[in-house]
Amino acid sequence: MPEVVLCCHCKQPINKATDDYVLIEKATARYPDVLAHATCEQKRAAGGPGAAFEDLMKRFWRWPRA
């Protein structure tokens, strides 16, 4: 069964062959790559101060991305 990679923002599947995507976090021994659609990441970057706070909290505490 092929691996399905989900966007970390919208939780929709990313097709690596056809979709434009960006690498948010590089894979480690414990966590896989974190990918996002390019459009989702652009919307996220244009967000307000709440988006920056949420990103900071995600970096402090590695919450599951479910």
PDB file of N, CA and C in Angstrom:
ATOM      1  N   MET A   1       0.854  -1.177   0.000  1.00  0.00           N
ATOM      2  CA  MET A   1       0.000   0.000   0.000  1.00  0.00           C
ATOM      3  C   MET A   1       0.899   1.239   0.000  1.00  0.00           C
ATOM      4  N   PRO A   2       0.671   2.162  -0.927  1.00  0.00           N
ATOM      5  CA  PRO A   2       1.538   3.343  -1.003  1.00  0.00           C
ATOM      6  C   PRO A   2       1.323   4.284   0.180  1.00  0.00           C
ATOM      7  N   GLU A   3       2.390   4.986   0.526  1.00  0.00           N
ATOM      8  CA  GLU A   3       2.332   5.936   1.633  1.00  0.00           C
ATOM      9  C   GLU A   3       1.585   7.194   1.195  1.00  0.00           C
ATOM     10  N   VAL A   4       0.688   7.675   2.033  1.00  0.00           N
ATOM     11  CA  VAL A   4      -0.057   8.897   1.753  1.00  0.00           C
ATOM     12  C   VAL A   4       0.523   9.991   2.634  1.00  0.00           C
ATOM     13  N   VAL A   5       0.972  11.077   1.999  1.00  0.00           N
ATOM     14  CA  VAL A   5       1.541  12.205   2.725  1.00  0.00           C
ATOM     15  C   VAL A   5       0.488  13.301   2.776  1.00  0.00           C
ATOM     16  N   LEU A   6       0.210  13.800   3.989  1.00  0.00           N
ATOM     17  CA  LEU A   6      -0.801  14.838   4.165  1.00  0.00           C
ATOM     18  C   LEU A   6      -0.141  16.191   4.377  1.00  0.00           C
ATOM     19  N   CYS A   7      -0.812  17.229   3.914  1.00  0.00           N
ATOM     20  CA  CYS A   7      -0.378  18.607   4.144  1.00  0.00           C
ATOM     21  C   CYS A   7      -0.519  18.904   5.634  1.00  0.00           C
ATOM     22  N   CYS A   8       0.479  19.531   6.229  1.00  0.00           N
ATOM     23  CA  CYS A   8       0.433  19.787   7.673  1.00  0.00           C
ATOM     24  C   CYS A   8      -0.547  20.903   8.023  1.00  0.00           C
ATOM     25  N   HIS A   9      -1.032  21.665   7.041  1.00  0.00           N
ATOM     26  CA  HIS A   9      -1.971  22.745   7.320  1.00  0.00           C
ATOM     27  C   HIS A   9      -3.419  22.345   7.039  1.00  0.00           C
ATOM     28  N   CYS A  10      -3.680  21.807   5.848  1.00  0.00           N
ATOM     29  CA  CYS A  10      -5.064  21.505   5.467  1.00  0.00           C
ATOM     30  C   CYS A  10      -5.418  20.028   5.609  1.00  0.00           C
ATOM     31  N   LYS A  11      -4.432  19.176   5.894  1.00  0.00           N
ATOM     32  CA  LYS A  11      -4.630  17.731   6.094  1.00  0.00           C
ATOM     33  C   LYS A  11      -5.176  17.016   4.857  1.00  0.00           C
ATOM     34  N   GLN A  12      -4.946  17.577   3.672  1.00  0.00           N
ATOM     35  CA  GLN A  12      -5.314  16.935   2.415  1.00  0.00           C
ATOM     36  C   GLN A  12      -4.093  16.208   1.854  1.00  0.00           C
ATOM     37  N   PRO A  13      -4.295  15.139   1.081  1.00  0.00           N
ATOM     38  CA  PRO A  13      -3.152  14.391   0.531  1.00  0.00           C
ATOM     39  C   PRO A  13      -2.336  15.236  -0.448  1.00  0.00           C
ATOM     40  N   ILE A  14      -1.037  15.003  -0.448  1.00  0.00           N
ATOM     41  CA  ILE A  14      -0.120  15.668  -1.378  1.00  0.00           C
ATOM     42  C   ILE A  14       0.342  14.631  -2.383  1.00  0.00           C
ATOM     43  N   ASN A  15       0.146  14.918  -3.655  1.00  0.00           N
ATOM     44  CA  ASN A  15       0.650  14.073  -4.722  1.00  0.00           C
ATOM     45  C   ASN A  15       1.984  14.670  -5.155  1.00  0.00           C
ATOM     46  N   LYS A  16       3.080  13.987  -4.821  1.00  0.00           N
ATOM     47  CA  LYS A  16       4.414  14.527  -5.089  1.00  0.00           C
ATOM     48  C   LYS A  16       4.693  14.664  -6.583  1.00  0.00           C
ATOM     49  N   ALA A  17       4.000  13.923  -7.409  1.00  0.00           N
ATOM     50  CA  ALA A  17       4.238  13.975  -8.847  1.00  0.00           C
ATOM     51  C   ALA A  17       3.606  15.206  -9.498  1.00  0.00           C
ATOM     52  N   THR A  18       2.468  15.662  -8.982  1.00  0.00           N
ATOM     53  CA  THR A  18       1.763  16.741  -9.667  1.00  0.00           C
ATOM     54  C   THR A  18       1.585  18.005  -8.838  1.00  0.00           C
ATOM     55  N   ASP A  19       1.535  17.901  -7.523  1.00  0.00           N
ATOM     56  CA  ASP A  19       1.269  19.069  -6.677  1.00  0.00           C
ATOM     57  C   ASP A  19       2.549  19.846  -6.385  1.00  0.00           C
ATOM     58  N   ASP A  20       2.386  21.157  -6.198  1.00  0.00           N
ATOM     59  CA  ASP A  20       3.478  21.992  -5.714  1.00  0.00           C
ATOM     60  C   ASP A  20       3.468  21.911  -4.201  1.00  0.00           C
ATOM     61  N   TYR A  21       4.606  21.534  -3.613  1.00  0.00           N
ATOM     62  CA  TYR A  21       4.677  21.388  -2.164  1.00  0.00           C
ATOM     63  C   TYR A  21       6.018  21.913  -1.663  1.00  0.00           C
ATOM     64  N   VAL A  22       6.073  22.198  -0.371  1.00  0.00           N
ATOM     65  CA  VAL A  22       7.305  22.658   0.266  1.00  0.00           C
ATOM     66  C   VAL A  22       7.611  21.752   1.457  1.00  0.00           C
ATOM     67  N   LEU A  23       8.888  21.629   1.761  1.00  0.00           N
ATOM     68  CA  LEU A  23       9.342  20.846   2.898  1.00  0.00           C
ATOM     69  C   LEU A  23       9.408  21.771   4.106  1.00  0.00           C
ATOM     70  N   ILE A  24       8.601  21.490   5.119  1.00  0.00           N
ATOM     71  CA  ILE A  24       8.555  22.322   6.316  1.00  0.00           C
ATOM     72  C   ILE A  24       9.635  21.883   7.306  1.00  0.00           C
ATOM     73  N   GLU A  25       9.724  20.597   7.574  1.00  0.00           N
ATOM     74  CA  GLU A  25      10.727  20.053   8.486  1.00  0.00           C
ATOM     75  C   GLU A  25      11.346  18.805   7.881  1.00  0.00           C
ATOM     76  N   LYS A  26      12.651  18.702   7.978  1.00  0.00           N
ATOM     77  CA  LYS A  26      13.386  17.554   7.479  1.00  0.00           C
ATOM     78  C   LYS A  26      13.152  16.351   8.387  1.00  0.00           C
ATOM     79  N   ALA A  27      13.154  15.179   7.814  1.00  0.00           N
ATOM     80  CA  ALA A  27      12.923  13.950   8.564  1.00  0.00           C
ATOM     81  C   ALA A  27      14.074  13.679   9.526  1.00  0.00           C
ATOM     82  N   THR A  28      13.741  13.118  10.670  1.00  0.00           N
ATOM     83  CA  THR A  28      14.738  12.658  11.635  1.00  0.00           C
ATOM     84  C   THR A  28      14.509  11.172  11.847  1.00  0.00           C
ATOM     85  N   ALA A  29      15.252  10.592  12.756  1.00  0.00           N
ATOM     86  CA  ALA A  29      15.070   9.171  13.042  1.00  0.00           C
ATOM     87  C   ALA A  29      13.715   8.911  13.676  1.00  0.00           C
ATOM     88  N   ARG A  30      13.140   9.939  14.295  1.00  0.00           N
ATOM     89  CA  ARG A  30      11.901   9.753  15.029  1.00  0.00           C
ATOM     90  C   ARG A  30      10.664  10.261  14.282  1.00  0.00           C
ATOM     91  N   TYR A  31      10.817  11.283  13.452  1.00  0.00           N
ATOM     92  CA  TYR A  31       9.678  11.902  12.757  1.00  0.00           C
ATOM     93  C   TYR A  31       9.907  11.910  11.250  1.00  0.00           C
ATOM     94  N   PRO A  32       8.856  11.734  10.456  1.00  0.00           N
ATOM     95  CA  PRO A  32       9.012  11.796   8.992  1.00  0.00           C
ATOM     96  C   PRO A  32       9.074  13.247   8.518  1.00  0.00           C
ATOM     97  N   ASP A  33       9.297  13.423   7.207  1.00  0.00           N
ATOM     98  CA  ASP A  33       9.260  14.764   6.617  1.00  0.00           C
ATOM     99  C   ASP A  33       7.900  15.392   6.853  1.00  0.00           C
ATOM    100  N   VAL A  34       7.881  16.697   7.057  1.00  0.00           N
ATOM    101  CA  VAL A  34       6.632  17.444   7.184  1.00  0.00           C
ATOM    102  C   VAL A  34       6.507  18.287   5.920  1.00  0.00           C
ATOM    103  N   LEU A  35       5.456  18.028   5.147  1.00  0.00           N
ATOM    104  CA  LEU A  35       5.237  18.720   3.882  1.00  0.00           C
ATOM    105  C   LEU A  35       3.962  19.546   3.933  1.00  0.00           C
ATOM    106  N   ALA A  36       3.906  20.564   3.064  1.00  0.00           N
ATOM    107  CA  ALA A  36       2.705  21.390   2.946  1.00  0.00           C
ATOM    108  C   ALA A  36       2.546  21.805   1.490  1.00  0.00           C
ATOM    109  N   HIS A  37       1.303  21.994   1.085  1.00  0.00           N
ATOM    110  CA  HIS A  37       1.059  22.560  -0.243  1.00  0.00           C
ATOM    111  C   HIS A  37       1.654  23.959  -0.291  1.00  0.00           C
ATOM    112  N   ALA A  38       2.148  24.370  -1.439  1.00  0.00           N
ATOM    113  CA  ALA A  38       2.740  25.709  -1.570  1.00  0.00           C
ATOM    114  C   ALA A  38       1.693  26.788  -1.291  1.00  0.00           C
ATOM    115  N   THR A  39       0.457  26.593  -1.747  1.00  0.00           N
ATOM    116  CA  THR A  39      -0.581  27.595  -1.513  1.00  0.00           C
ATOM    117  C   THR A  39      -0.957  27.674  -0.041  1.00  0.00           C
ATOM    118  N   CYS A  40      -1.005  26.532   0.651  1.00  0.00           N
ATOM    119  CA  CYS A  40      -1.313  26.533   2.090  1.00  0.00           C
ATOM    120  C   CYS A  40      -0.225  27.272   2.861  1.00  0.00           C
ATOM    121  N   GLU A  41       1.019  27.060   2.482  1.00  0.00           N
ATOM    122  CA  GLU A  41       2.125  27.715   3.172  1.00  0.00           C
ATOM    123  C   GLU A  41       2.108  29.229   2.917  1.00  0.00           C
ATOM    124  N   GLN A  42       1.740  29.648   1.717  1.00  0.00           N
ATOM    125  CA  GLN A  42       1.644  31.077   1.418  1.00  0.00           C
ATOM    126  C   GLN A  42       0.535  31.720   2.234  1.00  0.00           C
ATOM    127  N   LYS A  43      -0.615  31.046   2.349  1.00  0.00           N
ATOM    128  CA  LYS A  43      -1.709  31.569   3.174  1.00  0.00           C
ATOM    129  C   LYS A  43      -1.285  31.640   4.632  1.00  0.00           C
ATOM    130  N   ARG A  44      -0.554  30.634   5.082  1.00  0.00           N
ATOM    131  CA  ARG A  44      -0.087  30.586   6.468  1.00  0.00           C
ATOM    132  C   ARG A  44       0.893  31.730   6.754  1.00  0.00           C
ATOM    133  N   ALA A  45       1.798  32.003   5.803  1.00  0.00           N
ATOM    134  CA  ALA A  45       2.783  33.066   5.986  1.00  0.00           C
ATOM    135  C   ALA A  45       2.117  34.435   6.004  1.00  0.00           C
ATOM    136  N   ALA A  46       1.003  34.574   5.304  1.00  0.00           N
ATOM    137  CA  ALA A  46       0.293  35.856   5.257  1.00  0.00           C
ATOM    138  C   ALA A  46      -0.652  36.015   6.441  1.00  0.00           C
ATOM    139  N   GLY A  47      -0.727  35.012   7.304  1.00  0.00           N
ATOM    140  CA  GLY A  47      -1.618  35.050   8.467  1.00  0.00           C
ATOM    141  C   GLY A  47      -1.190  36.105   9.468  1.00  0.00           C
ATOM    142  N   GLY A  48      -1.959  36.243  10.513  1.00  0.00           N
ATOM    143  CA  GLY A  48      -1.703  37.250  11.530  1.00  0.00           C
ATOM    144  C   GLY A  48      -0.765  36.767  12.620  1.00  0.00           C
ATOM    145  N   PRO A  49      -0.735  37.475  13.733  1.00  0.00           N
ATOM    146  CA  PRO A  49       0.161  37.114  14.827  1.00  0.00           C
ATOM    147  C   PRO A  49      -0.196  35.781  15.490  1.00  0.00           C
ATOM    148  N   GLY A  50      -1.421  35.338  15.359  1.00  0.00           N
ATOM    149  CA  GLY A  50      -1.812  34.047  15.917  1.00  0.00           C
ATOM    150  C   GLY A  50      -1.084  32.893  15.254  1.00  0.00           C
ATOM    151  N   ALA A  51      -0.816  33.014  13.951  1.00  0.00           N
ATOM    152  CA  ALA A  51      -0.108  31.963  13.237  1.00  0.00           C
ATOM    153  C   ALA A  51       1.331  31.855  13.731  1.00  0.00           C
ATOM    154  N   ALA A  52       1.962  32.975  14.011  1.00  0.00           N
ATOM    155  CA  ALA A  52       3.338  32.957  14.511  1.00  0.00           C
ATOM    156  C   ALA A  52       3.401  32.313  15.897  1.00  0.00           C
ATOM    157  N   PHE A  53       2.436  32.615  16.748  1.00  0.00           N
ATOM    158  CA  PHE A  53       2.398  32.015  18.083  1.00  0.00           C
ATOM    159  C   PHE A  53       2.201  30.510  17.995  1.00  0.00           C
ATOM    160  N   GLU A  54       1.319  30.071  17.125  1.00  0.00           N
ATOM    161  CA  GLU A  54       1.074  28.633  16.973  1.00  0.00           C
ATOM    162  C   GLU A  54       2.324  27.923  16.462  1.00  0.00           C
ATOM    163  N   ASP A  55       3.049  28.537  15.525  1.00  0.00           N
ATOM    164  CA  ASP A  55       4.288  27.941  15.035  1.00  0.00           C
ATOM    165  C   ASP A  55       5.325  27.832  16.146  1.00  0.00           C
ATOM    166  N   LEU A  56       5.412  28.846  16.996  1.00  0.00           N
ATOM    167  CA  LEU A  56       6.348  28.816  18.113  1.00  0.00           C
ATOM    168  C   LEU A  56       5.999  27.681  19.073  1.00  0.00           C
ATOM    169  N   MET A  57       4.722  27.506  19.364  1.00  0.00           N
ATOM    170  CA  MET A  57       4.302  26.448  20.273  1.00  0.00           C
ATOM    171  C   MET A  57       4.571  25.064  19.677  1.00  0.00           C
ATOM    172  N   LYS A  58       4.414  24.925  18.361  1.00  0.00           N
ATOM    173  CA  LYS A  58       4.707  23.639  17.722  1.00  0.00           C
ATOM    174  C   LYS A  58       6.190  23.313  17.821  1.00  0.00           C
ATOM    175  N   ARG A  59       7.048  24.334  17.742  1.00  0.00           N
ATOM    176  CA  ARG A  59       8.484  24.080  17.836  1.00  0.00           C
ATOM    177  C   ARG A  59       8.895  23.738  19.261  1.00  0.00           C
ATOM    178  N   PHE A  60       8.229  24.334  20.254  1.00  0.00           N
ATOM    179  CA  PHE A  60       8.549  24.034  21.640  1.00  0.00           C
ATOM    180  C   PHE A  60       8.099  22.627  22.006  1.00  0.00           C
ATOM    181  N   TRP A  61       6.880  22.299  21.688  1.00  0.00           N
ATOM    182  CA  TRP A  61       6.313  21.003  22.030  1.00  0.00           C
ATOM    183  C   TRP A  61       5.933  20.286  20.748  1.00  0.00           C
ATOM    184  N   ARG A  62       6.519  19.135  20.526  1.00  0.00           N
ATOM    185  CA  ARG A  62       6.266  18.363  19.318  1.00  0.00           C
ATOM    186  C   ARG A  62       4.944  17.630  19.452  1.00  0.00           C
ATOM    187  N   TRP A  63       3.835  18.328  19.220  1.00  0.00           N
ATOM    188  CA  TRP A  63       2.512  17.708  19.299  1.00  0.00           C
ATOM    189  C   TRP A  63       2.324  16.804  18.090  1.00  0.00           C
ATOM    190  N   PRO A  64       1.615  15.714  18.224  1.00  0.00           N
ATOM    191  CA  PRO A  64       1.321  14.873  17.065  1.00  0.00           C
ATOM    192  C   PRO A  64       0.539  15.661  16.018  1.00  0.00           C
ATOM    193  N   ARG A  65       0.849  15.432  14.779  1.00  0.00           N
ATOM    194  CA  ARG A  65       0.212  16.170  13.692  1.00  0.00           C
ATOM    195  C   ARG A  65      -0.999  15.411  13.168  1.00  0.00           C
ATOM    196  N   ALA A  66      -1.878  15.006  14.022  1.00  0.00           N
ATOM    197  CA  ALA A  66      -3.061  14.252  13.605  1.00  0.00           C
ATOM    198  C   ALA A  66      -4.271  15.135  13.528  1.00  0.00           C
TER     199      ALA A  66
END
